Amino acid sequence: MSIQELKQVIVVNAELGLPKGKLASQVAHAAVAAFLEASSKARSAWLSVGMPKVVLKATSEAALHELHAKARAAGLPVVLIQDAGRTVVSEGTVTCVGIGPATAAQIEPLTGDLKLL
């Protein structure tokens, strides 16, 4: 694994149209939770290269479920974030998926067609 290629990708459920603050908190949940799913070696390496990450958008909750399943099948650190329902959206609403840290070569086949948020 080349540490220069390590990154994390957060994919947001764009159909929700979340307010900026809510969106930021959900992306932060996904980033931290996915980081904790990674091996200690991957976490250390990713931290050493400045924690590169990108935030992308998906068109639906179904797309996030599919992405989550594919990332899990690929053996990547991945989390599906579901809101607690205390503010803007209902409890259990899927807001985003966090993937990585992992290499770009591992993540891009799953997310390469998605657009930046």
PDB file of N, CA and C in Angstrom:
ATOM      1  N   MET A   1       0.847  -1.178   0.000  1.00  0.00           N
ATOM      2  CA  MET A   1       0.000   0.000   0.000  1.00  0.00           C
ATOM      3  C   MET A   1       0.892   1.240   0.000  1.00  0.00           C
ATOM      4  N   SER A   2       0.730   2.050  -0.996  1.00  0.00           N
ATOM      5  CA  SER A   2       1.469   3.302  -1.057  1.00  0.00           C
ATOM      6  C   SER A   2       0.730   4.351  -0.235  1.00  0.00           C
ATOM      7  N   ILE A   3       1.398   4.881   0.783  1.00  0.00           N
ATOM      8  CA  ILE A   3       0.698   5.821   1.651  1.00  0.00           C
ATOM      9  C   ILE A   3       0.344   7.120   0.930  1.00  0.00           C
ATOM     10  N   GLN A   4       1.056   7.439  -0.150  1.00  0.00           N
ATOM     11  CA  GLN A   4       0.718   8.646  -0.898  1.00  0.00           C
ATOM     12  C   GLN A   4      -0.654   8.538  -1.546  1.00  0.00           C
ATOM     13  N   GLU A   5      -1.129   7.310  -1.781  1.00  0.00           N
ATOM     14  CA  GLU A   5      -2.408   7.105  -2.448  1.00  0.00           C
ATOM     15  C   GLU A   5      -3.578   6.983  -1.481  1.00  0.00           C
ATOM     16  N   LEU A   6      -3.333   7.007  -0.197  1.00  0.00           N
ATOM     17  CA  LEU A   6      -4.413   6.833   0.766  1.00  0.00           C
ATOM     18  C   LEU A   6      -5.363   8.020   0.763  1.00  0.00           C
ATOM     19  N   LYS A   7      -6.648   7.703   0.888  1.00  0.00           N
ATOM     20  CA  LYS A   7      -7.641   8.762   1.008  1.00  0.00           C
ATOM     21  C   LYS A   7      -8.885   8.203   1.673  1.00  0.00           C
ATOM     22  N   GLN A   8      -9.773   9.101   1.990  1.00  0.00           N
ATOM     23  CA  GLN A   8     -11.079   8.756   2.530  1.00  0.00           C
ATOM     24  C   GLN A   8     -12.109   9.452   1.657  1.00  0.00           C
ATOM     25  N   VAL A   9     -13.224   8.767   1.424  1.00  0.00           N
ATOM     26  CA  VAL A   9     -14.301   9.339   0.630  1.00  0.00           C
ATOM     27  C   VAL A   9     -15.581   9.301   1.449  1.00  0.00           C
ATOM     28  N   ILE A  10     -16.268  10.434   1.476  1.00  0.00           N
ATOM     29  CA  ILE A  10     -17.577  10.520   2.107  1.00  0.00           C
ATOM     30  C   ILE A  10     -18.569  10.801   0.987  1.00  0.00           C
ATOM     31  N   VAL A  11     -19.624   9.994   0.924  1.00  0.00           N
ATOM     32  CA  VAL A  11     -20.649  10.175  -0.104  1.00  0.00           C
ATOM     33  C   VAL A  11     -21.955  10.555   0.597  1.00  0.00           C
ATOM     34  N   VAL A  12     -22.495  11.698   0.196  1.00  0.00           N
ATOM     35  CA  VAL A  12     -23.663  12.300   0.835  1.00  0.00           C
ATOM     36  C   VAL A  12     -24.929  11.996   0.031  1.00  0.00           C
ATOM     37  N   ASN A  13     -26.021  11.783   0.744  1.00  0.00           N
ATOM     38  CA  ASN A  13     -27.338  11.601   0.129  1.00  0.00           C
ATOM     39  C   ASN A  13     -27.854  12.984  -0.281  1.00  0.00           C
ATOM     40  N   ALA A  14     -27.590  13.382  -1.521  1.00  0.00           N
ATOM     41  CA  ALA A  14     -27.901  14.729  -1.984  1.00  0.00           C
ATOM     42  C   ALA A  14     -29.397  15.001  -2.081  1.00  0.00           C
ATOM     43  N   GLU A  15     -30.207  13.958  -2.208  1.00  0.00           N
ATOM     44  CA  GLU A  15     -31.649  14.188  -2.346  1.00  0.00           C
ATOM     45  C   GLU A  15     -32.264  14.782  -1.078  1.00  0.00           C
ATOM     46  N   LEU A  16     -31.548  14.701   0.047  1.00  0.00           N
ATOM     47  CA  LEU A  16     -32.076  15.247   1.297  1.00  0.00           C
ATOM     48  C   LEU A  16     -32.006  16.770   1.355  1.00  0.00           C
ATOM     49  N   GLY A  17     -31.082  17.372   0.622  1.00  0.00           N
ATOM     50  CA  GLY A  17     -30.936  18.828   0.654  1.00  0.00           C
ATOM     51  C   GLY A  17     -30.695  19.358   2.063  1.00  0.00           C
ATOM     52  N   LEU A  18     -29.794  18.712   2.789  1.00  0.00           N
ATOM     53  CA  LEU A  18     -29.534  19.082   4.181  1.00  0.00           C
ATOM     54  C   LEU A  18     -28.977  20.501   4.301  1.00  0.00           C
ATOM     55  N   PRO A  19     -29.361  21.219   5.358  1.00  0.00           N
ATOM     56  CA  PRO A  19     -28.740  22.522   5.626  1.00  0.00           C
ATOM     57  C   PRO A  19     -27.237  22.332   5.850  1.00  0.00           C
ATOM     58  N   LYS A  20     -26.464  23.367   5.616  1.00  0.00           N
ATOM     59  CA  LYS A  20     -25.002  23.265   5.686  1.00  0.00           C
ATOM     60  C   LYS A  20     -24.487  22.710   7.005  1.00  0.00           C
ATOM     61  N   GLY A  21     -25.021  23.164   8.104  1.00  0.00           N
ATOM     62  CA  GLY A  21     -24.555  22.695   9.407  1.00  0.00           C
ATOM     63  C   GLY A  21     -24.848  21.223   9.627  1.00  0.00           C
ATOM     64  N   LYS A  22     -26.035  20.811   9.253  1.00  0.00           N
ATOM     65  CA  LYS A  22     -26.417  19.408   9.389  1.00  0.00           C
ATOM     66  C   LYS A  22     -25.557  18.547   8.478  1.00  0.00           C
ATOM     67  N   LEU A  23     -25.344  19.006   7.269  1.00  0.00           N
ATOM     68  CA  LEU A  23     -24.503  18.291   6.308  1.00  0.00           C
ATOM     69  C   LEU A  23     -23.090  18.130   6.860  1.00  0.00           C
ATOM     70  N   ALA A  24     -22.538  19.197   7.399  1.00  0.00           N
ATOM     71  CA  ALA A  24     -21.180  19.144   7.958  1.00  0.00           C
ATOM     72  C   ALA A  24     -21.094  18.131   9.089  1.00  0.00           C
ATOM     73  N   SER A  25     -22.091  18.101   9.959  1.00  0.00           N
ATOM     74  CA  SER A  25     -22.040  17.167  11.082  1.00  0.00           C
ATOM     75  C   SER A  25     -22.164  15.722  10.603  1.00  0.00           C
ATOM     76  N   GLN A  26     -22.974  15.466   9.598  1.00  0.00           N
ATOM     77  CA  GLN A  26     -23.129  14.110   9.084  1.00  0.00           C
ATOM     78  C   GLN A  26     -21.851  13.636   8.385  1.00  0.00           C
ATOM     79  N   VAL A  27     -21.208  14.517   7.643  1.00  0.00           N
ATOM     80  CA  VAL A  27     -19.934  14.182   6.996  1.00  0.00           C
ATOM     81  C   VAL A  27     -18.876  13.888   8.062  1.00  0.00           C
ATOM     82  N   ALA A  28     -18.874  14.668   9.134  1.00  0.00           N
ATOM     83  CA  ALA A  28     -17.923  14.429  10.223  1.00  0.00           C
ATOM     84  C   ALA A  28     -18.182  13.075  10.882  1.00  0.00           C
ATOM     85  N   HIS A  29     -19.440  12.731  11.096  1.00  0.00           N
ATOM     86  CA  HIS A  29     -19.770  11.412  11.650  1.00  0.00           C
ATOM     87  C   HIS A  29     -19.199  10.309  10.763  1.00  0.00           C
ATOM     88  N   ALA A  30     -19.402  10.440   9.458  1.00  0.00           N
ATOM     89  CA  ALA A  30     -18.936   9.409   8.521  1.00  0.00           C
ATOM     90  C   ALA A  30     -17.416   9.323   8.495  1.00  0.00           C
ATOM     91  N   ALA A  31     -16.746  10.469   8.521  1.00  0.00           N
ATOM     92  CA  ALA A  31     -15.285  10.473   8.477  1.00  0.00           C
ATOM     93  C   ALA A  31     -14.692   9.784   9.704  1.00  0.00           C
ATOM     94  N   VAL A  32     -15.201  10.124  10.875  1.00  0.00           N
ATOM     95  CA  VAL A  32     -14.672   9.539  12.113  1.00  0.00           C
ATOM     96  C   VAL A  32     -15.016   8.055  12.192  1.00  0.00           C
ATOM     97  N   ALA A  33     -16.250   7.701  11.896  1.00  0.00           N
ATOM     98  CA  ALA A  33     -16.679   6.305  12.017  1.00  0.00           C
ATOM     99  C   ALA A  33     -15.935   5.404  11.037  1.00  0.00           C
ATOM    100  N   ALA A  34     -15.732   5.865   9.804  1.00  0.00           N
ATOM    101  CA  ALA A  34     -14.992   5.053   8.829  1.00  0.00           C
ATOM    102  C   ALA A  34     -13.532   4.915   9.253  1.00  0.00           C
ATOM    103  N   PHE A  35     -12.940   5.983   9.762  1.00  0.00           N
ATOM    104  CA  PHE A  35     -11.573   5.947  10.269  1.00  0.00           C
ATOM    105  C   PHE A  35     -11.431   4.867  11.339  1.00  0.00           C
ATOM    106  N   LEU A  36     -12.401   4.795  12.231  1.00  0.00           N
ATOM    107  CA  LEU A  36     -12.347   3.814  13.313  1.00  0.00           C
ATOM    108  C   LEU A  36     -12.517   2.378  12.813  1.00  0.00           C
ATOM    109  N   GLU A  37     -13.100   2.203  11.640  1.00  0.00           N
ATOM    110  CA  GLU A  37     -13.265   0.872  11.037  1.00  0.00           C
ATOM    111  C   GLU A  37     -11.971   0.372  10.382  1.00  0.00           C
ATOM    112  N   ALA A  38     -11.050   1.278  10.078  1.00  0.00           N
ATOM    113  CA  ALA A  38      -9.811   0.918   9.386  1.00  0.00           C
ATOM    114  C   ALA A  38      -8.826   0.253  10.342  1.00  0.00           C
ATOM    115  N   SER A  39      -7.877  -0.455   9.766  1.00  0.00           N
ATOM    116  CA  SER A  39      -6.823  -1.072  10.577  1.00  0.00           C
ATOM    117  C   SER A  39      -5.949   0.014  11.194  1.00  0.00           C
ATOM    118  N   SER A  40      -5.261  -0.324  12.265  1.00  0.00           N
ATOM    119  CA  SER A  40      -4.386   0.668  12.900  1.00  0.00           C
ATOM    120  C   SER A  40      -3.271   1.094  11.951  1.00  0.00           C
ATOM    121  N   LYS A  41      -2.788   0.190  11.118  1.00  0.00           N
ATOM    122  CA  LYS A  41      -1.752   0.526  10.134  1.00  0.00           C
ATOM    123  C   LYS A  41      -2.279   1.559   9.127  1.00  0.00           C
ATOM    124  N   ALA A  42      -3.500   1.331   8.610  1.00  0.00           N
ATOM    125  CA  ALA A  42      -4.091   2.276   7.651  1.00  0.00           C
ATOM    126  C   ALA A  42      -4.364   3.621   8.312  1.00  0.00           C
ATOM    127  N   ARG A  43      -4.849   3.605   9.556  1.00  0.00           N
ATOM    128  CA  ARG A  43      -5.117   4.861  10.263  1.00  0.00           C
ATOM    129  C   ARG A  43      -3.836   5.669  10.430  1.00  0.00           C
ATOM    130  N   SER A  44      -2.770   5.019  10.886  1.00  0.00           N
ATOM    131  CA  SER A  44      -1.491   5.723  11.087  1.00  0.00           C
ATOM    132  C   SER A  44      -0.943   6.273   9.781  1.00  0.00           C
ATOM    133  N   ALA A  45      -0.998   5.464   8.738  1.00  0.00           N
ATOM    134  CA  ALA A  45      -0.476   5.904   7.443  1.00  0.00           C
ATOM    135  C   ALA A  45      -1.270   7.092   6.908  1.00  0.00           C
ATOM    136  N   TRP A  46      -2.591   7.023   7.028  1.00  0.00           N
ATOM    137  CA  TRP A  46      -3.447   8.106   6.538  1.00  0.00           C
ATOM    138  C   TRP A  46      -3.204   9.393   7.319  1.00  0.00           C
ATOM    139  N   LEU A  47      -3.055   9.272   8.619  1.00  0.00           N
ATOM    140  CA  LEU A  47      -2.755  10.448   9.432  1.00  0.00           C
ATOM    141  C   LEU A  47      -1.428  11.072   9.022  1.00  0.00           C
ATOM    142  N   SER A  48      -0.459  10.229   8.669  1.00  0.00           N
ATOM    143  CA  SER A  48       0.873  10.741   8.326  1.00  0.00           C
ATOM    144  C   SER A  48       0.915  11.489   6.996  1.00  0.00           C
ATOM    145  N   VAL A  49      -0.096  11.280   6.145  1.00  0.00           N
ATOM    146  CA  VAL A  49      -0.121  11.981   4.856  1.00  0.00           C
ATOM    147  C   VAL A  49      -1.145  13.111   4.829  1.00  0.00           C
ATOM    148  N   GLY A  50      -1.632  13.511   6.004  1.00  0.00           N
ATOM    149  CA  GLY A  50      -2.490  14.687   6.084  1.00  0.00           C
ATOM    150  C   GLY A  50      -3.981  14.430   5.981  1.00  0.00           C
ATOM    151  N   MET A  51      -4.409  13.186   6.110  1.00  0.00           N
ATOM    152  CA  MET A  51      -5.828  12.821   6.117  1.00  0.00           C
ATOM    153  C   MET A  51      -6.586  13.260   4.861  1.00  0.00           C
ATOM    154  N   PRO A  52      -6.070  12.972   3.661  1.00  0.00           N
ATOM    155  CA  PRO A  52      -6.781  13.404   2.457  1.00  0.00           C
ATOM    156  C   PRO A  52      -8.166  12.771   2.366  1.00  0.00           C
ATOM    157  N   LYS A  53      -9.117  13.601   1.974  1.00  0.00           N
ATOM    158  CA  LYS A  53     -10.491  13.123   1.826  1.00  0.00           C
ATOM    159  C   LYS A  53     -11.212  13.940   0.768  1.00  0.00           C
ATOM    160  N   VAL A  54     -12.281  13.364   0.255  1.00  0.00           N
ATOM    161  CA  VAL A  54     -13.117  14.045  -0.721  1.00  0.00           C
ATOM    162  C   VAL A  54     -14.570  13.747  -0.367  1.00  0.00           C
ATOM    163  N   VAL A  55     -15.449  14.719  -0.630  1.00  0.00           N
ATOM    164  CA  VAL A  55     -16.871  14.544  -0.368  1.00  0.00           C
ATOM    165  C   VAL A  55     -17.600  14.554  -1.708  1.00  0.00           C
ATOM    166  N   LEU A  56     -18.326  13.477  -1.952  1.00  0.00           N
ATOM    167  CA  LEU A  56     -19.056  13.284  -3.196  1.00  0.00           C
ATOM    168  C   LEU A  56     -20.545  13.217  -2.907  1.00  0.00           C
ATOM    169  N   LYS A  57     -21.351  13.184  -3.970  1.00  0.00           N
ATOM    170  CA  LYS A  57     -22.790  13.086  -3.755  1.00  0.00           C
ATOM    171  C   LYS A  57     -23.381  11.908  -4.509  1.00  0.00           C
ATOM    172  N   ALA A  58     -24.378  11.319  -3.880  1.00  0.00           N
ATOM    173  CA  ALA A  58     -25.182  10.266  -4.490  1.00  0.00           C
ATOM    174  C   ALA A  58     -26.598  10.800  -4.616  1.00  0.00           C
ATOM    175  N   THR A  59     -27.359  10.196  -5.506  1.00  0.00           N
ATOM    176  CA  THR A  59     -28.687  10.728  -5.806  1.00  0.00           C
ATOM    177  C   THR A  59     -29.794  10.200  -4.919  1.00  0.00           C
ATOM    178  N   SER A  60     -29.505   9.168  -4.106  1.00  0.00           N
ATOM    179  CA  SER A  60     -30.588   8.582  -3.324  1.00  0.00           C
ATOM    180  C   SER A  60     -30.051   7.738  -2.168  1.00  0.00           C
ATOM    181  N   GLU A  61     -30.946   7.411  -1.265  1.00  0.00           N
ATOM    182  CA  GLU A  61     -30.602   6.506  -0.175  1.00  0.00           C
ATOM    183  C   GLU A  61     -30.263   5.124  -0.729  1.00  0.00           C
ATOM    184  N   ALA A  62     -30.997   4.695  -1.740  1.00  0.00           N
ATOM    185  CA  ALA A  62     -30.729   3.383  -2.349  1.00  0.00           C
ATOM    186  C   ALA A  62     -29.311   3.315  -2.904  1.00  0.00           C
ATOM    187  N   ALA A  63     -28.852   4.403  -3.497  1.00  0.00           N
ATOM    188  CA  ALA A  63     -27.486   4.442  -4.033  1.00  0.00           C
ATOM    189  C   ALA A  63     -26.461   4.303  -2.911  1.00  0.00           C
ATOM    190  N   LEU A  64     -26.735   4.898  -1.759  1.00  0.00           N
ATOM    191  CA  LEU A  64     -25.819   4.782  -0.623  1.00  0.00           C
ATOM    192  C   LEU A  64     -25.796   3.359  -0.078  1.00  0.00           C
ATOM    193  N   HIS A  65     -26.947   2.717  -0.009  1.00  0.00           N
ATOM    194  CA  HIS A  65     -26.996   1.324   0.443  1.00  0.00           C
ATOM    195  C   HIS A  65     -26.188   0.424  -0.505  1.00  0.00           C
ATOM    196  N   GLU A  66     -26.326   0.663  -1.793  1.00  0.00           N
ATOM    197  CA  GLU A  66     -25.588  -0.129  -2.788  1.00  0.00           C
ATOM    198  C   GLU A  66     -24.084   0.102  -2.656  1.00  0.00           C
ATOM    199  N   LEU A  67     -23.677   1.343  -2.503  1.00  0.00           N
ATOM    200  CA  LEU A  67     -22.271   1.673  -2.337  1.00  0.00           C
ATOM    201  C   LEU A  67     -21.712   1.040  -1.063  1.00  0.00           C
ATOM    202  N   HIS A  68     -22.453   1.098   0.004  1.00  0.00           N
ATOM    203  CA  HIS A  68     -22.045   0.497   1.265  1.00  0.00           C
ATOM    204  C   HIS A  68     -21.814  -1.000   1.092  1.00  0.00           C
ATOM    205  N   ALA A  69     -22.744  -1.664   0.435  1.00  0.00           N
ATOM    206  CA  ALA A  69     -22.627  -3.114   0.219  1.00  0.00           C
ATOM    207  C   ALA A  69     -21.404  -3.447  -0.634  1.00  0.00           C
ATOM    208  N   LYS A  70     -21.164  -2.672  -1.675  1.00  0.00           N
ATOM    209  CA  LYS A  70     -20.012  -2.922  -2.550  1.00  0.00           C
ATOM    210  C   LYS A  70     -18.697  -2.698  -1.809  1.00  0.00           C
ATOM    211  N   ALA A  71     -18.629  -1.647  -1.014  1.00  0.00           N
ATOM    212  CA  ALA A  71     -17.403  -1.361  -0.262  1.00  0.00           C
ATOM    213  C   ALA A  71     -17.148  -2.444   0.776  1.00  0.00           C
ATOM    214  N   ARG A  72     -18.198  -2.893   1.422  1.00  0.00           N
ATOM    215  CA  ARG A  72     -18.059  -3.967   2.418  1.00  0.00           C
ATOM    216  C   ARG A  72     -17.585  -5.248   1.738  1.00  0.00           C
ATOM    217  N   ALA A  73     -18.175  -5.572   0.580  1.00  0.00           N
ATOM    218  CA  ALA A  73     -17.783  -6.773  -0.167  1.00  0.00           C
ATOM    219  C   ALA A  73     -16.326  -6.690  -0.613  1.00  0.00           C
ATOM    220  N   ALA A  74     -15.843  -5.466  -0.868  1.00  0.00           N
ATOM    221  CA  ALA A  74     -14.453  -5.263  -1.283  1.00  0.00           C
ATOM    222  C   ALA A  74     -13.495  -5.286  -0.095  1.00  0.00           C
ATOM    223  N   GLY A  75     -14.030  -5.403   1.113  1.00  0.00           N
ATOM    224  CA  GLY A  75     -13.193  -5.459   2.302  1.00  0.00           C
ATOM    225  C   GLY A  75     -12.673  -4.111   2.775  1.00  0.00           C
ATOM    226  N   LEU A  76     -13.329  -3.042   2.358  1.00  0.00           N
ATOM    227  CA  LEU A  76     -12.890  -1.697   2.741  1.00  0.00           C
ATOM    228  C   LEU A  76     -13.530  -1.276   4.067  1.00  0.00           C
ATOM    229  N   PRO A  77     -12.846  -0.405   4.817  1.00  0.00           N
ATOM    230  CA  PRO A  77     -13.493   0.169   5.993  1.00  0.00           C
ATOM    231  C   PRO A  77     -14.637   1.063   5.512  1.00  0.00           C
ATOM    232  N   VAL A  78     -15.838   0.793   5.966  1.00  0.00           N
ATOM    233  CA  VAL A  78     -17.003   1.533   5.469  1.00  0.00           C
ATOM    234  C   VAL A  78     -18.071   1.611   6.547  1.00  0.00           C
ATOM    235  N   VAL A  79     -18.784   2.727   6.572  1.00  0.00           N
ATOM    236  CA  VAL A  79     -19.900   2.910   7.497  1.00  0.00           C
ATOM    237  C   VAL A  79     -21.059   3.592   6.769  1.00  0.00           C
ATOM    238  N   LEU A  80     -22.244   3.220   7.171  1.00  0.00           N
ATOM    239  CA  LEU A  80     -23.476   3.836   6.687  1.00  0.00           C
ATOM    240  C   LEU A  80     -24.002   4.676   7.843  1.00  0.00           C
ATOM    241  N   ILE A  81     -24.140   5.969   7.624  1.00  0.00           N
ATOM    242  CA  ILE A  81     -24.568   6.871   8.690  1.00  0.00           C
ATOM    243  C   ILE A  81     -26.083   7.078   8.623  1.00  0.00           C
ATOM    244  N   GLN A  82     -26.732   6.783   9.746  1.00  0.00           N
ATOM    245  CA  GLN A  82     -28.171   6.986   9.875  1.00  0.00           C
ATOM    246  C   GLN A  82     -28.407   8.001  10.980  1.00  0.00           C
ATOM    247  N   ASP A  83     -29.205   8.998  10.682  1.00  0.00           N
ATOM    248  CA  ASP A  83     -29.426  10.094  11.621  1.00  0.00           C
ATOM    249  C   ASP A  83     -30.239   9.651  12.840  1.00  0.00           C
ATOM    250  N   ALA A  84     -29.975  10.302  13.951  1.00  0.00           N
ATOM    251  CA  ALA A  84     -30.690  10.015  15.194  1.00  0.00           C
ATOM    252  C   ALA A  84     -32.095  10.628  15.209  1.00  0.00           C
ATOM    253  N   GLY A  85     -32.359  11.555  14.294  1.00  0.00           N
ATOM    254  CA  GLY A  85     -33.701  12.114  14.175  1.00  0.00           C
ATOM    255  C   GLY A  85     -34.051  13.200  15.164  1.00  0.00           C
ATOM    256  N   ARG A  86     -33.062  13.869  15.708  1.00  0.00           N
ATOM    257  CA  ARG A  86     -33.352  14.898  16.714  1.00  0.00           C
ATOM    258  C   ARG A  86     -33.551  16.293  16.123  1.00  0.00           C
ATOM    259  N   THR A  87     -33.235  16.471  14.848  1.00  0.00           N
ATOM    260  CA  THR A  87     -33.353  17.827  14.299  1.00  0.00           C
ATOM    261  C   THR A  87     -34.077  17.847  12.956  1.00  0.00           C
ATOM    262  N   VAL A  88     -33.348  17.695  11.860  1.00  0.00           N
ATOM    263  CA  VAL A  88     -33.859  17.997  10.523  1.00  0.00           C
ATOM    264  C   VAL A  88     -34.574  16.835   9.836  1.00  0.00           C
ATOM    265  N   VAL A  89     -34.082  15.625  10.014  1.00  0.00           N
ATOM    266  CA  VAL A  89     -34.646  14.468   9.321  1.00  0.00           C
ATOM    267  C   VAL A  89     -35.127  13.428  10.329  1.00  0.00           C
ATOM    268  N   SER A  90     -35.909  12.495   9.855  1.00  0.00           N
ATOM    269  CA  SER A  90     -36.460  11.439  10.717  1.00  0.00           C
ATOM    270  C   SER A  90     -35.382  10.469  11.167  1.00  0.00           C
ATOM    271  N   GLU A  91     -35.590   9.880  12.321  1.00  0.00           N
ATOM    272  CA  GLU A  91     -34.684   8.873  12.845  1.00  0.00           C
ATOM    273  C   GLU A  91     -34.494   7.747  11.827  1.00  0.00           C
ATOM    274  N   GLY A  92     -33.238   7.359  11.643  1.00  0.00           N
ATOM    275  CA  GLY A  92     -32.921   6.273  10.726  1.00  0.00           C
ATOM    276  C   GLY A  92     -32.662   6.702   9.297  1.00  0.00           C
ATOM    277  N   THR A  93     -32.860   7.988   8.990  1.00  0.00           N
ATOM    278  CA  THR A  93     -32.597   8.473   7.630  1.00  0.00           C
ATOM    279  C   THR A  93     -31.120   8.301   7.315  1.00  0.00           C
ATOM    280  N   VAL A  94     -30.831   7.685   6.177  1.00  0.00           N
ATOM    281  CA  VAL A  94     -29.444   7.479   5.749  1.00  0.00           C
ATOM    282  C   VAL A  94     -28.948   8.777   5.129  1.00  0.00           C
ATOM    283  N   THR A  95     -27.918   9.352   5.738  1.00  0.00           N
ATOM    284  CA  THR A  95     -27.399  10.645   5.286  1.00  0.00           C
ATOM    285  C   THR A  95     -26.124  10.532   4.460  1.00  0.00           C
ATOM    286  N   CYS A  96     -25.276   9.560   4.774  1.00  0.00           N
ATOM    287  CA  CYS A  96     -24.028   9.426   4.026  1.00  0.00           C
ATOM    288  C   CYS A  96     -23.343   8.096   4.306  1.00  0.00           C
ATOM    289  N   VAL A  97     -22.328   7.838   3.499  1.00  0.00           N
ATOM    290  CA  VAL A  97     -21.475   6.665   3.643  1.00  0.00           C
ATOM    291  C   VAL A  97     -20.037   7.160   3.725  1.00  0.00           C
ATOM    292  N   GLY A  98     -19.274   6.606   4.657  1.00  0.00           N
ATOM    293  CA  GLY A  98     -17.847   6.896   4.749  1.00  0.00           C
ATOM    294  C   GLY A  98     -17.060   5.670   4.331  1.00  0.00           C
ATOM    295  N   ILE A  99     -16.073   5.874   3.473  1.00  0.00           N
ATOM    296  CA  ILE A  99     -15.218   4.776   3.003  1.00  0.00           C
ATOM    297  C   ILE A  99     -13.757   5.176   3.204  1.00  0.00           C
ATOM    298  N   GLY A 100     -12.993   4.274   3.800  1.00  0.00           N
ATOM    299  CA  GLY A 100     -11.574   4.498   3.957  1.00  0.00           C
ATOM    300  C   GLY A 100     -11.227   5.071   5.315  1.00  0.00           C
ATOM    301  N   PRO A 101      -9.944   5.191   5.551  1.00  0.00           N
ATOM    302  CA  PRO A 101      -8.877   5.317   4.578  1.00  0.00           C
ATOM    303  C   PRO A 101      -8.536   3.987   3.892  1.00  0.00           C
ATOM    304  N   ALA A 102      -8.296   4.133   2.599  1.00  0.00           N
ATOM    305  CA  ALA A 102      -7.864   3.036   1.739  1.00  0.00           C
ATOM    306  C   ALA A 102      -7.177   3.666   0.541  1.00  0.00           C
ATOM    307  N   THR A 103      -6.613   2.851  -0.309  1.00  0.00           N
ATOM    308  CA  THR A 103      -5.927   3.419  -1.466  1.00  0.00           C
ATOM    309  C   THR A 103      -6.933   3.911  -2.497  1.00  0.00           C
ATOM    310  N   ALA A 104      -6.507   4.863  -3.281  1.00  0.00           N
ATOM    311  CA  ALA A 104      -7.339   5.361  -4.369  1.00  0.00           C
ATOM    312  C   ALA A 104      -7.724   4.222  -5.305  1.00  0.00           C
ATOM    313  N   ALA A 105      -6.812   3.304  -5.544  1.00  0.00           N
ATOM    314  CA  ALA A 105      -7.087   2.172  -6.432  1.00  0.00           C
ATOM    315  C   ALA A 105      -8.196   1.279  -5.882  1.00  0.00           C
ATOM    316  N   GLN A 106      -8.349   1.223  -4.580  1.00  0.00           N
ATOM    317  CA  GLN A 106      -9.416   0.428  -3.976  1.00  0.00           C
ATOM    318  C   GLN A 106     -10.755   1.162  -3.984  1.00  0.00           C
ATOM    319  N   ILE A 107     -10.717   2.472  -3.786  1.00  0.00           N
ATOM    320  CA  ILE A 107     -11.947   3.257  -3.645  1.00  0.00           C
ATOM    321  C   ILE A 107     -12.512   3.713  -4.985  1.00  0.00           C
ATOM    322  N   GLU A 108     -11.678   4.144  -5.895  1.00  0.00           N
ATOM    323  CA  GLU A 108     -12.156   4.756  -7.131  1.00  0.00           C
ATOM    324  C   GLU A 108     -13.042   3.865  -8.000  1.00  0.00           C
ATOM    325  N   PRO A 109     -12.824   2.545  -8.051  1.00  0.00           N
ATOM    326  CA  PRO A 109     -13.780   1.737  -8.832  1.00  0.00           C
ATOM    327  C   PRO A 109     -15.215   1.836  -8.321  1.00  0.00           C
ATOM    328  N   LEU A 110     -15.372   2.150  -7.047  1.00  0.00           N
ATOM    329  CA  LEU A 110     -16.702   2.264  -6.449  1.00  0.00           C
ATOM    330  C   LEU A 110     -17.282   3.671  -6.535  1.00  0.00           C
ATOM    331  N   THR A 111     -16.422   4.681  -6.548  1.00  0.00           N
ATOM    332  CA  THR A 111     -16.896   6.065  -6.446  1.00  0.00           C
ATOM    333  C   THR A 111     -16.497   6.959  -7.607  1.00  0.00           C
ATOM    334  N   GLY A 112     -15.741   6.421  -8.556  1.00  0.00           N
ATOM    335  CA  GLY A 112     -15.186   7.237  -9.638  1.00  0.00           C
ATOM    336  C   GLY A 112     -16.200   7.937 -10.513  1.00  0.00           C
ATOM    337  N   ASP A 113     -17.434   7.431 -10.573  1.00  0.00           N
ATOM    338  CA  ASP A 113     -18.462   8.048 -11.408  1.00  0.00           C
ATOM    339  C   ASP A 113     -19.278   9.109 -10.669  1.00  0.00           C
ATOM    340  N   LEU A 114     -19.026   9.267  -9.376  1.00  0.00           N
ATOM    341  CA  LEU A 114     -19.808  10.225  -8.593  1.00  0.00           C
ATOM    342  C   LEU A 114     -19.213  11.630  -8.716  1.00  0.00           C
ATOM    343  N   LYS A 115     -20.056  12.623  -8.569  1.00  0.00           N
ATOM    344  CA  LYS A 115     -19.635  14.016  -8.680  1.00  0.00           C
ATOM    345  C   LYS A 115     -19.317  14.593  -7.301  1.00  0.00           C
ATOM    346  N   LEU A 116     -18.444  15.608  -7.306  1.00  0.00           N
ATOM    347  CA  LEU A 116     -18.138  16.322  -6.077  1.00  0.00           C
ATOM    348  C   LEU A 116     -19.400  16.997  -5.540  1.00  0.00           C
ATOM    349  N   LEU A 117     -19.475  17.098  -4.227  1.00  0.00           N
ATOM    350  CA  LEU A 117     -20.625  17.754  -3.603  1.00  0.00           C
ATOM    351  C   LEU A 117     -20.578  19.236  -3.878  1.00  0.00           C
TER     352      LEU A 117
END
